[in-house]
Amino acid sequence: MIKYELIIYWSDEDHAFIVEVPELPGCMADGDTYELAVANVKIVIEQWIETARELGKPIPEPKGRLVYA
């Protein structure tokens, strides 16, 4: 289950859905369909966390919905 906020949008430039994970810097994925993009970002989140652990970097706790002013 993904507890991090996801920002999902269609990119005409890439001809794909893009998924960004704002709480994990640089963590993003894409896919030809919405469902594929979300499935791909699940893998990327796991890899991001695994790499952070290996490097001894802090792993942000999911904040859930972010509020913008």
C-alpha atoms as a PDB file:
ATOM      1  CA  MET A   1       0.000   0.000   0.000  1.00  0.00           C
ATOM      2  CA  ILE A   2       1.309   3.424  -0.928  1.00  0.00           C
ATOM      3  CA  LYS A   3       1.064   5.908   1.911  1.00  0.00           C
ATOM      4  CA  TYR A   4       2.993   8.680   0.184  1.00  0.00           C
ATOM      5  CA  GLU A   5       1.139  11.359  -1.736  1.00  0.00           C
ATOM      6  CA  LEU A   6       1.223  10.789  -5.501  1.00  0.00           C
ATOM      7  CA  ILE A   7       0.839  13.461  -8.141  1.00  0.00           C
ATOM      8  CA  ILE A   8      -0.369  11.863 -11.374  1.00  0.00           C
ATOM      9  CA  TYR A   9      -0.768  13.673 -14.679  1.00  0.00           C
ATOM     10  CA  TRP A  10      -0.711  13.096 -18.415  1.00  0.00           C
ATOM     11  CA  SER A  11       2.330  14.407 -20.306  1.00  0.00           C
ATOM     12  CA  ASP A  12       1.738  15.223 -23.987  1.00  0.00           C
ATOM     13  CA  GLU A  13       5.493  15.599 -24.390  1.00  0.00           C
ATOM     14  CA  ASP A  14       6.194  12.063 -23.099  1.00  0.00           C
ATOM     15  CA  HIS A  15       2.915  10.520 -24.315  1.00  0.00           C
ATOM     16  CA  ALA A  16       2.589   8.881 -20.903  1.00  0.00           C
ATOM     17  CA  PHE A  17       1.146   9.276 -17.440  1.00  0.00           C
ATOM     18  CA  ILE A  18       3.728  10.665 -15.015  1.00  0.00           C
ATOM     19  CA  VAL A  19       3.667   9.948 -11.277  1.00  0.00           C
ATOM     20  CA  GLU A  20       5.684  12.087  -8.871  1.00  0.00           C
ATOM     21  CA  VAL A  21       6.233  11.345  -5.175  1.00  0.00           C
ATOM     22  CA  PRO A  22       6.917  14.794  -3.662  1.00  0.00           C
ATOM     23  CA  GLU A  23       7.998  13.450  -0.258  1.00  0.00           C
ATOM     24  CA  LEU A  24      10.764  11.328  -1.825  1.00  0.00           C
ATOM     25  CA  PRO A  25      13.054  13.671  -3.803  1.00  0.00           C
ATOM     26  CA  GLY A  26      13.596  12.526  -7.374  1.00  0.00           C
ATOM     27  CA  CYS A  27      11.131   9.648  -7.048  1.00  0.00           C
ATOM     28  CA  MET A  28       8.929   9.387 -10.111  1.00  0.00           C
ATOM     29  CA  ALA A  29       7.722   6.912 -12.717  1.00  0.00           C
ATOM     30  CA  ASP A  30       5.680   6.795 -15.883  1.00  0.00           C
ATOM     31  CA  GLY A  31       3.425   4.458 -17.809  1.00  0.00           C
ATOM     32  CA  ASP A  32       1.304   4.221 -20.943  1.00  0.00           C
ATOM     33  CA  THR A  33      -1.806   3.918 -18.761  1.00  0.00           C
ATOM     34  CA  TYR A  34      -2.784   5.370 -15.402  1.00  0.00           C
ATOM     35  CA  GLU A  35      -2.738   1.902 -13.843  1.00  0.00           C
ATOM     36  CA  LEU A  36       0.680   1.050 -15.271  1.00  0.00           C
ATOM     37  CA  ALA A  37       2.132   4.346 -14.050  1.00  0.00           C
ATOM     38  CA  VAL A  38       0.887   3.644 -10.499  1.00  0.00           C
ATOM     39  CA  ALA A  39       2.209   0.060 -10.639  1.00  0.00           C
ATOM     40  CA  ASN A  40       5.587   1.364 -11.818  1.00  0.00           C
ATOM     41  CA  VAL A  41       5.810   3.978  -9.072  1.00  0.00           C
ATOM     42  CA  LYS A  42       5.218   1.292  -6.432  1.00  0.00           C
ATOM     43  CA  ILE A  43       8.403  -0.411  -7.645  1.00  0.00           C
ATOM     44  CA  VAL A  44      10.321   2.864  -7.781  1.00  0.00           C
ATOM     45  CA  ILE A  45       9.245   3.786  -4.222  1.00  0.00           C
ATOM     46  CA  GLU A  46      10.519   0.417  -2.961  1.00  0.00           C
ATOM     47  CA  GLN A  47      13.820   0.948  -4.807  1.00  0.00           C
ATOM     48  CA  TRP A  48      14.117   4.521  -3.484  1.00  0.00           C
ATOM     49  CA  ILE A  49      13.653   3.322   0.105  1.00  0.00           C
ATOM     50  CA  GLU A  50      16.031   0.377  -0.353  1.00  0.00           C
ATOM     51  CA  THR A  51      18.728   2.657  -1.777  1.00  0.00           C
ATOM     52  CA  ALA A  52      18.269   5.197   1.034  1.00  0.00           C
ATOM     53  CA  ARG A  53      18.683   2.413   3.609  1.00  0.00           C
ATOM     54  CA  GLU A  54      21.829   1.134   1.896  1.00  0.00           C
ATOM     55  CA  LEU A  55      23.304   4.644   1.888  1.00  0.00           C
ATOM     56  CA  GLY A  56      22.263   5.334   5.481  1.00  0.00           C
ATOM     57  CA  LYS A  57      20.027   8.215   4.374  1.00  0.00           C
ATOM     58  CA  PRO A  58      16.860   9.167   6.253  1.00  0.00           C
ATOM     59  CA  ILE A  59      13.561   7.878   4.894  1.00  0.00           C
ATOM     60  CA  PRO A  60      10.758  10.428   5.258  1.00  0.00           C
ATOM     61  CA  GLU A  61       7.632   9.267   7.046  1.00  0.00           C
ATOM     62  CA  PRO A  62       4.566   9.526   4.819  1.00  0.00           C
ATOM     63  CA  LYS A  63       2.651  12.695   5.661  1.00  0.00           C
ATOM     64  CA  GLY A  64      -0.342  11.755   3.595  1.00  0.00           C
ATOM     65  CA  ARG A  65      -2.161  14.611   1.958  1.00  0.00           C
ATOM     66  CA  LEU A  66      -0.036  17.705   1.599  1.00  0.00           C
ATOM     67  CA  VAL A  67      -1.671  21.082   2.030  1.00  0.00           C
ATOM     68  CA  TYR A  68      -0.671  23.976  -0.164  1.00  0.00           C
ATOM     69  CA  ALA A  69      -1.404  27.612   0.663  1.00  0.00           C
END
